[in-house]
Amino acid sequence: ISQCLLMFLTAVIKPSGEARAQYYYDYFGTN
């Protein structure tokens, strides 16, 4: 739950493209 909410609330910028264990929350209704 925290991963989903955090990716919704926070714009994560990762210049080196290193590993990410989070999920990106997309708006409801999109495919």
Full PDB file with SEQRES, HELIX, SHEET, SSBOND, CRYST1, ORIGX, SCALE, CONECT and MASTER records, all heavy atoms in Angstrom:
SEQRES   1 A   31  ILE SER GLN CYS LEU LEU MET PHE LEU THR ALA VAL ILE          
SEQRES   2 A   31  LYS PRO SER GLY GLU ALA ARG ALA GLN TYR TYR TYR ASP          
SEQRES   3 A   31  TYR PHE GLY THR ASN                                          
HELIX    1 AA1 SER A    2  LEU A    9  1                                   8    
CRYST1    1.000    1.000    1.000  90.00  90.00  90.00 P 1           1          
ORIGX1      1.000000  0.000000  0.000000        0.00000                         
ORIGX2      0.000000  1.000000  0.000000        0.00000                         
ORIGX3      0.000000  0.000000  1.000000        0.00000                         
SCALE1      1.000000  0.000000  0.000000        0.00000                         
SCALE2      0.000000  1.000000  0.000000        0.00000                         
SCALE3      0.000000  0.000000  1.000000        0.00000                         
ATOM      1  N   ILE A   1       0.835  -1.203   0.000  1.00  0.00           N  
ATOM      2  CA  ILE A   1       0.000   0.000   0.000  1.00  0.00           C  
ATOM      3  C   ILE A   1       0.867   1.248   0.000  1.00  0.00           C  
ATOM      4  O   ILE A   1       0.613   2.204  -0.736  1.00  0.00           O  
ATOM      5  CB  ILE A   1      -0.946  -0.005   1.217  1.00  0.00           C  
ATOM      6  CG1 ILE A   1      -1.966  -1.147   1.083  1.00  0.00           C  
ATOM      7  CG2 ILE A   1      -1.663   1.337   1.354  1.00  0.00           C  
ATOM      8  CD1 ILE A   1      -2.786  -1.377   2.341  1.00  0.00           C  
ATOM      9  N   SER A   2       1.933   1.244   0.800  1.00  0.00           N  
ATOM     10  CA  SER A   2       2.799   2.426   0.870  1.00  0.00           C  
ATOM     11  C   SER A   2       3.498   2.666  -0.452  1.00  0.00           C  
ATOM     12  O   SER A   2       3.664   3.808  -0.873  1.00  0.00           O  
ATOM     13  CB  SER A   2       3.848   2.252   1.987  1.00  0.00           C  
ATOM     14  OG  SER A   2       4.745   1.209   1.678  1.00  0.00           O  
ATOM     15  N   GLN A   3       3.900   1.585  -1.119  1.00  0.00           N  
ATOM     16  CA  GLN A   3       4.547   1.737  -2.416  1.00  0.00           C  
ATOM     17  C   GLN A   3       3.606   2.388  -3.415  1.00  0.00           C  
ATOM     18  O   GLN A   3       3.987   3.301  -4.155  1.00  0.00           O  
ATOM     19  CB  GLN A   3       5.025   0.381  -2.933  1.00  0.00           C  
ATOM     20  CG  GLN A   3       6.247  -0.147  -2.194  1.00  0.00           C  
ATOM     21  CD  GLN A   3       6.543  -1.576  -2.547  1.00  0.00           C  
ATOM     22  OE1 GLN A   3       5.696  -2.291  -3.049  1.00  0.00           O  
ATOM     23  NE2 GLN A   3       7.759  -1.993  -2.301  1.00  0.00           N  
ATOM     24  N   CYS A   4       2.376   1.929  -3.459  1.00  0.00           N  
ATOM     25  CA  CYS A   4       1.409   2.486  -4.405  1.00  0.00           C  
ATOM     26  C   CYS A   4       1.145   3.959  -4.111  1.00  0.00           C  
ATOM     27  O   CYS A   4       1.156   4.800  -5.005  1.00  0.00           O  
ATOM     28  CB  CYS A   4       0.100   1.698  -4.350  1.00  0.00           C  
ATOM     29  SG  CYS A   4       0.243  -0.013  -4.892  1.00  0.00           S  
ATOM     30  N   LEU A   5       0.906   4.278  -2.832  1.00  0.00           N  
ATOM     31  CA  LEU A   5       0.591   5.653  -2.465  1.00  0.00           C  
ATOM     32  C   LEU A   5       1.779   6.578  -2.685  1.00  0.00           C  
ATOM     33  O   LEU A   5       1.628   7.700  -3.154  1.00  0.00           O  
ATOM     34  CB  LEU A   5       0.150   5.709  -0.999  1.00  0.00           C  
ATOM     35  CG  LEU A   5      -1.213   5.070  -0.692  1.00  0.00           C  
ATOM     36  CD1 LEU A   5      -1.474   5.115   0.806  1.00  0.00           C  
ATOM     37  CD2 LEU A   5      -2.323   5.791  -1.439  1.00  0.00           C  
ATOM     38  N   LEU A   6       2.975   6.092  -2.362  1.00  0.00           N  
ATOM     39  CA  LEU A   6       4.148   6.934  -2.504  1.00  0.00           C  
ATOM     40  C   LEU A   6       4.436   7.262  -3.959  1.00  0.00           C  
ATOM     41  O   LEU A   6       4.823   8.375  -4.299  1.00  0.00           O  
ATOM     42  CB  LEU A   6       5.365   6.243  -1.868  1.00  0.00           C  
ATOM     43  CG  LEU A   6       5.362   6.235  -0.345  1.00  0.00           C  
ATOM     44  CD1 LEU A   6       6.456   5.327   0.180  1.00  0.00           C  
ATOM     45  CD2 LEU A   6       5.516   7.632   0.197  1.00  0.00           C  
ATOM     46  N   MET A   7       4.243   6.286  -4.842  1.00  0.00           N  
ATOM     47  CA  MET A   7       4.486   6.551  -6.251  1.00  0.00           C  
ATOM     48  C   MET A   7       3.423   7.497  -6.809  1.00  0.00           C  
ATOM     49  O   MET A   7       3.654   8.214  -7.771  1.00  0.00           O  
ATOM     50  CB  MET A   7       4.501   5.253  -7.050  1.00  0.00           C  
ATOM     51  CG  MET A   7       5.747   4.402  -6.809  1.00  0.00           C  
ATOM     52  SD  MET A   7       7.259   5.310  -7.142  1.00  0.00           S  
ATOM     53  CE  MET A   7       7.115   5.515  -8.903  1.00  0.00           C  
ATOM     54  N   PHE A   8       2.269   7.509  -6.195  1.00  0.00           N  
ATOM     55  CA  PHE A   8       1.225   8.448  -6.610  1.00  0.00           C  
ATOM     56  C   PHE A   8       1.555   9.857  -6.123  1.00  0.00           C  
ATOM     57  O   PHE A   8       1.389  10.839  -6.837  1.00  0.00           O  
ATOM     58  CB  PHE A   8      -0.117   7.989  -6.046  1.00  0.00           C  
ATOM     59  CG  PHE A   8      -1.230   8.989  -6.254  1.00  0.00           C  
ATOM     60  CD1 PHE A   8      -1.696   9.252  -7.528  1.00  0.00           C  
ATOM     61  CD2 PHE A   8      -1.804   9.648  -5.182  1.00  0.00           C  
ATOM     62  CE1 PHE A   8      -2.727  10.159  -7.719  1.00  0.00           C  
ATOM     63  CE2 PHE A   8      -2.822  10.552  -5.375  1.00  0.00           C  
ATOM     64  CZ  PHE A   8      -3.282  10.812  -6.645  1.00  0.00           C  
ATOM     65  N   LEU A   9       2.046   9.969  -4.894  1.00  0.00           N  
ATOM     66  CA  LEU A   9       2.271  11.272  -4.283  1.00  0.00           C  
ATOM     67  C   LEU A   9       3.616  11.879  -4.635  1.00  0.00           C  
ATOM     68  O   LEU A   9       3.789  13.088  -4.544  1.00  0.00           O  
ATOM     69  CB  LEU A   9       2.169  11.145  -2.747  1.00  0.00           C  
ATOM     70  CG  LEU A   9       0.797  10.755  -2.198  1.00  0.00           C  
ATOM     71  CD1 LEU A   9       0.905  10.467  -0.713  1.00  0.00           C  
ATOM     72  CD2 LEU A   9      -0.211  11.844  -2.457  1.00  0.00           C  
ATOM     73  N   THR A  10       4.586  11.038  -5.046  1.00  0.00           N  
ATOM     74  CA  THR A  10       5.952  11.513  -5.229  1.00  0.00           C  
ATOM     75  C   THR A  10       6.421  11.274  -6.642  1.00  0.00           C  
ATOM     76  O   THR A  10       6.318  10.179  -7.149  1.00  0.00           O  
ATOM     77  CB  THR A  10       6.907  10.793  -4.250  1.00  0.00           C  
ATOM     78  OG1 THR A  10       6.364  10.879  -2.957  1.00  0.00           O  
ATOM     79  CG2 THR A  10       8.290  11.429  -4.277  1.00  0.00           C  
ATOM     80  N   ALA A  11       6.949  12.306  -7.265  1.00  0.00           N  
ATOM     81  CA  ALA A  11       7.543  12.139  -8.600  1.00  0.00           C  
ATOM     82  C   ALA A  11       8.968  11.672  -8.399  1.00  0.00           C  
ATOM     83  O   ALA A  11       9.839  12.441  -8.008  1.00  0.00           O  
ATOM     84  CB  ALA A  11       7.515  13.461  -9.363  1.00  0.00           C  
ATOM     85  N   VAL A  12       9.238  10.419  -8.659  1.00  0.00           N  
ATOM     86  CA  VAL A  12      10.553   9.844  -8.397  1.00  0.00           C  
ATOM     87  C   VAL A  12      11.455  10.115  -9.578  1.00  0.00           C  
ATOM     88  O   VAL A  12      11.145   9.721 -10.689  1.00  0.00           O  
ATOM     89  CB  VAL A  12      10.447   8.334  -8.149  1.00  0.00           C  
ATOM     90  CG1 VAL A  12      11.814   7.743  -7.911  1.00  0.00           C  
ATOM     91  CG2 VAL A  12       9.544   8.071  -6.962  1.00  0.00           C  
ATOM     92  N   ILE A  13      12.586  10.798  -9.350  1.00  0.00           N  
ATOM     93  CA  ILE A  13      13.554  11.068 -10.414  1.00  0.00           C  
ATOM     94  C   ILE A  13      14.788  10.240 -10.129  1.00  0.00           C  
ATOM     95  O   ILE A  13      15.412  10.357  -9.093  1.00  0.00           O  
ATOM     96  CB  ILE A  13      13.912  12.565 -10.453  1.00  0.00           C  
ATOM     97  CG1 ILE A  13      12.654  13.371 -10.789  1.00  0.00           C  
ATOM     98  CG2 ILE A  13      15.020  12.832 -11.455  1.00  0.00           C  
ATOM     99  CD1 ILE A  13      12.871  14.857 -10.736  1.00  0.00           C  
ATOM    100  N   LYS A  14      15.177   9.417 -11.090  1.00  0.00           N  
ATOM    101  CA  LYS A  14      16.302   8.513 -10.905  1.00  0.00           C  
ATOM    102  C   LYS A  14      17.245   8.677 -12.084  1.00  0.00           C  
ATOM    103  O   LYS A  14      17.174   7.961 -13.064  1.00  0.00           O  
ATOM    104  CB  LYS A  14      15.793   7.077 -10.826  1.00  0.00           C  
ATOM    105  CG  LYS A  14      16.900   6.058 -10.597  1.00  0.00           C  
ATOM    106  CD  LYS A  14      17.545   6.225  -9.270  1.00  0.00           C  
ATOM    107  CE  LYS A  14      18.504   5.112  -8.958  1.00  0.00           C  
ATOM    108  NZ  LYS A  14      19.220   5.325  -7.739  1.00  0.00           N  
ATOM    109  N   PRO A  15      18.209   9.625 -12.066  1.00  0.00           N  
ATOM    110  CA  PRO A  15      19.053   9.862 -13.212  1.00  0.00           C  
ATOM    111  C   PRO A  15      19.843   8.650 -13.656  1.00  0.00           C  
ATOM    112  O   PRO A  15      20.025   8.453 -14.842  1.00  0.00           O  
ATOM    113  CB  PRO A  15      19.977  10.976 -12.718  1.00  0.00           C  
ATOM    114  CG  PRO A  15      19.230  11.617 -11.587  1.00  0.00           C  
ATOM    115  CD  PRO A  15      18.450  10.526 -10.958  1.00  0.00           C  
ATOM    116  N   SER A  16      20.442   7.879 -12.760  1.00  0.00           N  
ATOM    117  CA  SER A  16      21.259   6.773 -13.168  1.00  0.00           C  
ATOM    118  C   SER A  16      20.488   5.557 -13.568  1.00  0.00           C  
ATOM    119  O   SER A  16      21.060   4.593 -14.042  1.00  0.00           O  
ATOM    120  CB  SER A  16      22.218   6.400 -12.051  1.00  0.00           C  
ATOM    121  OG  SER A  16      21.438   5.942 -10.947  1.00  0.00           O  
ATOM    122  N   GLY A  17      19.047   5.638 -13.320  1.00  0.00           N  
ATOM    123  CA  GLY A  17      18.252   4.502 -13.651  1.00  0.00           C  
ATOM    124  C   GLY A  17      18.467   3.312 -12.803  1.00  0.00           C  
ATOM    125  O   GLY A  17      18.264   2.168 -13.178  1.00  0.00           O  
ATOM    126  N   GLU A  18      18.936   3.505 -11.608  1.00  0.00           N  
ATOM    127  CA  GLU A  18      19.223   2.380 -10.746  1.00  0.00           C  
ATOM    128  C   GLU A  18      17.951   1.662 -10.348  1.00  0.00           C  
ATOM    129  O   GLU A  18      16.850   2.079 -10.654  1.00  0.00           O  
ATOM    130  CB  GLU A  18      19.958   2.840  -9.486  1.00  0.00           C  
ATOM    131  CG  GLU A  18      21.375   3.310  -9.784  1.00  0.00           C  
ATOM    132  CD  GLU A  18      22.052   3.831  -8.568  1.00  0.00           C  
ATOM    133  OE1 GLU A  18      21.478   3.714  -7.475  1.00  0.00           O  
ATOM    134  OE2 GLU A  18      23.153   4.354  -8.687  1.00  0.00           O  
ATOM    135  N   ALA A  19      18.117   0.600  -9.558  1.00  0.00           N  
ATOM    136  CA  ALA A  19      16.999  -0.285  -9.251  1.00  0.00           C  
ATOM    137  C   ALA A  19      15.909   0.436  -8.488  1.00  0.00           C  
ATOM    138  O   ALA A  19      16.135   1.285  -7.664  1.00  0.00           O  
ATOM    139  CB  ALA A  19      17.505  -1.448  -8.413  1.00  0.00           C  
ATOM    140  N   ARG A  20      14.672   0.046  -8.789  1.00  0.00           N  
ATOM    141  CA  ARG A  20      13.518   0.563  -8.079  1.00  0.00           C  
ATOM    142  C   ARG A  20      12.628  -0.591  -7.680  1.00  0.00           C  
ATOM    143  O   ARG A  20      12.276  -1.425  -8.506  1.00  0.00           O  
ATOM    144  CB  ARG A  20      12.721   1.522  -8.984  1.00  0.00           C  
ATOM    145  CG  ARG A  20      13.331   2.931  -9.044  1.00  0.00           C  
ATOM    146  CD  ARG A  20      13.206   3.589  -7.687  1.00  0.00           C  
ATOM    147  NE  ARG A  20      13.724   4.940  -7.691  1.00  0.00           N  
ATOM    148  CZ  ARG A  20      14.935   5.254  -7.312  1.00  0.00           C  
ATOM    149  NH1 ARG A  20      15.781   4.327  -6.968  1.00  0.00           N  
ATOM    150  NH2 ARG A  20      15.320   6.506  -7.283  1.00  0.00           N  
ATOM    151  N   ALA A  21      12.263  -0.638  -6.409  1.00  0.00           N  
ATOM    152  CA  ALA A  21      11.388  -1.701  -5.951  1.00  0.00           C  
ATOM    153  C   ALA A  21       9.972  -1.189  -5.757  1.00  0.00           C  
ATOM    154  O   ALA A  21       9.148  -1.846  -5.179  1.00  0.00           O  
ATOM    155  CB  ALA A  21      11.907  -2.270  -4.639  1.00  0.00           C  
ATOM    156  N   GLN A  22       9.703   0.020  -6.240  1.00  0.00           N  
ATOM    157  CA  GLN A  22       8.394   0.591  -6.028  1.00  0.00           C  
ATOM    158  C   GLN A  22       7.503   0.362  -7.235  1.00  0.00           C  
ATOM    159  O   GLN A  22       7.958   0.063  -8.323  1.00  0.00           O  
ATOM    160  CB  GLN A  22       8.519   2.088  -5.778  1.00  0.00           C  
ATOM    161  CG  GLN A  22       9.233   2.372  -4.467  1.00  0.00           C  
ATOM    162  CD  GLN A  22       9.447   3.852  -4.300  1.00  0.00           C  
ATOM    163  OE1 GLN A  22       9.942   4.494  -5.195  1.00  0.00           O  
ATOM    164  NE2 GLN A  22       9.091   4.376  -3.166  1.00  0.00           N  
ATOM    165  N   TYR A  23       6.227   0.571  -7.016  1.00  0.00           N  
ATOM    166  CA  TYR A  23       5.245   0.508  -8.089  1.00  0.00           C  
ATOM    167  C   TYR A  23       4.792   1.924  -8.410  1.00  0.00           C  
ATOM    168  O   TYR A  23       4.791   2.799  -7.567  1.00  0.00           O  
ATOM    169  CB  TYR A  23       4.031  -0.328  -7.665  1.00  0.00           C  
ATOM    170  CG  TYR A  23       4.350  -1.776  -7.466  1.00  0.00           C  
ATOM    171  CD1 TYR A  23       4.844  -2.232  -6.244  1.00  0.00           C  
ATOM    172  CD2 TYR A  23       4.186  -2.689  -8.493  1.00  0.00           C  
ATOM    173  CE1 TYR A  23       5.147  -3.559  -6.057  1.00  0.00           C  
ATOM    174  CE2 TYR A  23       4.486  -4.013  -8.313  1.00  0.00           C  
ATOM    175  CZ  TYR A  23       4.950  -4.439  -7.090  1.00  0.00           C  
ATOM    176  OH  TYR A  23       5.251  -5.748  -6.914  1.00  0.00           O  
ATOM    177  N   TYR A  24       4.353   2.103  -9.622  1.00  0.00           N  
ATOM    178  CA  TYR A  24       3.861   3.400 -10.047  1.00  0.00           C  
ATOM    179  C   TYR A  24       2.341   3.363 -10.076  1.00  0.00           C  
ATOM    180  O   TYR A  24       1.743   2.543 -10.729  1.00  0.00           O  
ATOM    181  CB  TYR A  24       4.404   3.722 -11.435  1.00  0.00           C  
ATOM    182  CG  TYR A  24       3.943   5.043 -11.986  1.00  0.00           C  
ATOM    183  CD1 TYR A  24       4.568   6.237 -11.623  1.00  0.00           C  
ATOM    184  CD2 TYR A  24       2.885   5.098 -12.881  1.00  0.00           C  
ATOM    185  CE1 TYR A  24       4.151   7.435 -12.141  1.00  0.00           C  
ATOM    186  CE2 TYR A  24       2.461   6.302 -13.402  1.00  0.00           C  
ATOM    187  CZ  TYR A  24       3.095   7.464 -13.036  1.00  0.00           C  
ATOM    188  OH  TYR A  24       2.692   8.653 -13.544  1.00  0.00           O  
ATOM    189  N   TYR A  25       1.718   4.248  -9.342  1.00  0.00           N  
ATOM    190  CA  TYR A  25       0.270   4.278  -9.268  1.00  0.00           C  
ATOM    191  C   TYR A  25      -0.268   5.075 -10.447  1.00  0.00           C  
ATOM    192  O   TYR A  25       0.018   6.249 -10.601  1.00  0.00           O  
ATOM    193  CB  TYR A  25      -0.175   4.921  -7.952  1.00  0.00           C  
ATOM    194  CG  TYR A  25      -1.672   4.928  -7.786  1.00  0.00           C  
ATOM    195  CD1 TYR A  25      -2.323   3.859  -7.184  1.00  0.00           C  
ATOM    196  CD2 TYR A  25      -2.420   5.989  -8.262  1.00  0.00           C  
ATOM    197  CE1 TYR A  25      -3.694   3.866  -7.047  1.00  0.00           C  
ATOM    198  CE2 TYR A  25      -3.793   6.005  -8.126  1.00  0.00           C  
ATOM    199  CZ  TYR A  25      -4.420   4.948  -7.521  1.00  0.00           C  
ATOM    200  OH  TYR A  25      -5.774   4.944  -7.390  1.00  0.00           O  
ATOM    201  N   ASP A  26      -1.055   4.464 -11.304  1.00  0.00           N  
ATOM    202  CA  ASP A  26      -1.660   5.149 -12.435  1.00  0.00           C  
ATOM    203  C   ASP A  26      -3.107   5.491 -12.087  1.00  0.00           C  
ATOM    204  O   ASP A  26      -3.728   4.861 -11.251  1.00  0.00           O  
ATOM    205  CB  ASP A  26      -1.615   4.257 -13.678  1.00  0.00           C  
ATOM    206  CG  ASP A  26      -1.867   5.057 -14.942  1.00  0.00           C  
ATOM    207  OD1 ASP A  26      -1.627   6.269 -14.924  1.00  0.00           O  
ATOM    208  OD2 ASP A  26      -2.292   4.454 -15.928  1.00  0.00           O  
ATOM    209  N   TYR A  27      -3.635   6.493 -12.762  1.00  0.00           N  
ATOM    210  CA  TYR A  27      -5.001   6.902 -12.478  1.00  0.00           C  
ATOM    211  C   TYR A  27      -5.989   5.812 -12.868  1.00  0.00           C  
ATOM    212  O   TYR A  27      -5.845   5.132 -13.862  1.00  0.00           O  
ATOM    213  CB  TYR A  27      -5.317   8.199 -13.236  1.00  0.00           C  
ATOM    214  CG  TYR A  27      -4.527   9.367 -12.742  1.00  0.00           C  
ATOM    215  CD1 TYR A  27      -3.483   9.886 -13.493  1.00  0.00           C  
ATOM    216  CD2 TYR A  27      -4.795   9.937 -11.496  1.00  0.00           C  
ATOM    217  CE1 TYR A  27      -2.742  10.959 -13.043  1.00  0.00           C  
ATOM    218  CE2 TYR A  27      -4.054  11.012 -11.043  1.00  0.00           C  
ATOM    219  CZ  TYR A  27      -3.028  11.515 -11.821  1.00  0.00           C  
ATOM    220  OH  TYR A  27      -2.306  12.563 -11.352  1.00  0.00           O  
ATOM    221  N   PHE A  28      -7.046   5.696 -12.075  1.00  0.00           N  
ATOM    222  CA  PHE A  28      -8.048   4.674 -12.288  1.00  0.00           C  
ATOM    223  C   PHE A  28      -8.684   4.845 -13.672  1.00  0.00           C  
ATOM    224  O   PHE A  28      -9.003   5.943 -14.098  1.00  0.00           O  
ATOM    225  CB  PHE A  28      -9.129   4.773 -11.213  1.00  0.00           C  
ATOM    226  CG  PHE A  28     -10.234   3.780 -11.385  1.00  0.00           C  
ATOM    227  CD1 PHE A  28     -10.060   2.466 -10.985  1.00  0.00           C  
ATOM    228  CD2 PHE A  28     -11.429   4.147 -11.971  1.00  0.00           C  
ATOM    229  CE1 PHE A  28     -11.074   1.548 -11.144  1.00  0.00           C  
ATOM    230  CE2 PHE A  28     -12.450   3.232 -12.137  1.00  0.00           C  
ATOM    231  CZ  PHE A  28     -12.276   1.927 -11.728  1.00  0.00           C  
ATOM    232  N   GLY A  29      -8.882   3.733 -14.365  1.00  0.00           N  
ATOM    233  CA  GLY A  29      -9.560   3.774 -15.650  1.00  0.00           C  
ATOM    234  C   GLY A  29      -8.639   3.715 -16.841  1.00  0.00           C  
ATOM    235  O   GLY A  29      -9.087   3.499 -17.961  1.00  0.00           O  
ATOM    236  N   THR A  30      -7.324   3.911 -16.636  1.00  0.00           N  
ATOM    237  CA  THR A  30      -6.389   3.819 -17.750  1.00  0.00           C  
ATOM    238  C   THR A  30      -5.926   2.384 -17.910  1.00  0.00           C  
ATOM    239  O   THR A  30      -5.966   1.595 -16.971  1.00  0.00           O  
ATOM    240  CB  THR A  30      -5.165   4.727 -17.530  1.00  0.00           C  
ATOM    241  OG1 THR A  30      -4.504   4.312 -16.326  1.00  0.00           O  
ATOM    242  CG2 THR A  30      -5.584   6.180 -17.401  1.00  0.00           C  
ATOM    243  N   ASN A  31      -5.479   2.034 -19.101  1.00  0.00           N  
ATOM    244  CA  ASN A  31      -5.056   0.673 -19.391  1.00  0.00           C  
ATOM    245  C   ASN A  31      -3.587   0.642 -19.769  1.00  0.00           C  
ATOM    246  O   ASN A  31      -3.076   1.566 -20.401  1.00  0.00           O  
ATOM    247  CB  ASN A  31      -5.877   0.099 -20.555  1.00  0.00           C  
ATOM    248  CG  ASN A  31      -7.347  -0.020 -20.210  1.00  0.00           C  
ATOM    249  OD1 ASN A  31      -7.691  -0.484 -19.140  1.00  0.00           O  
ATOM    250  ND2 ASN A  31      -8.204   0.419 -21.115  1.00  0.00           N  
TER     251      ASN A  31                                                      
MASTER        0    0    0    1    0    0    0    6  250    1    0    3          
END                                                                             
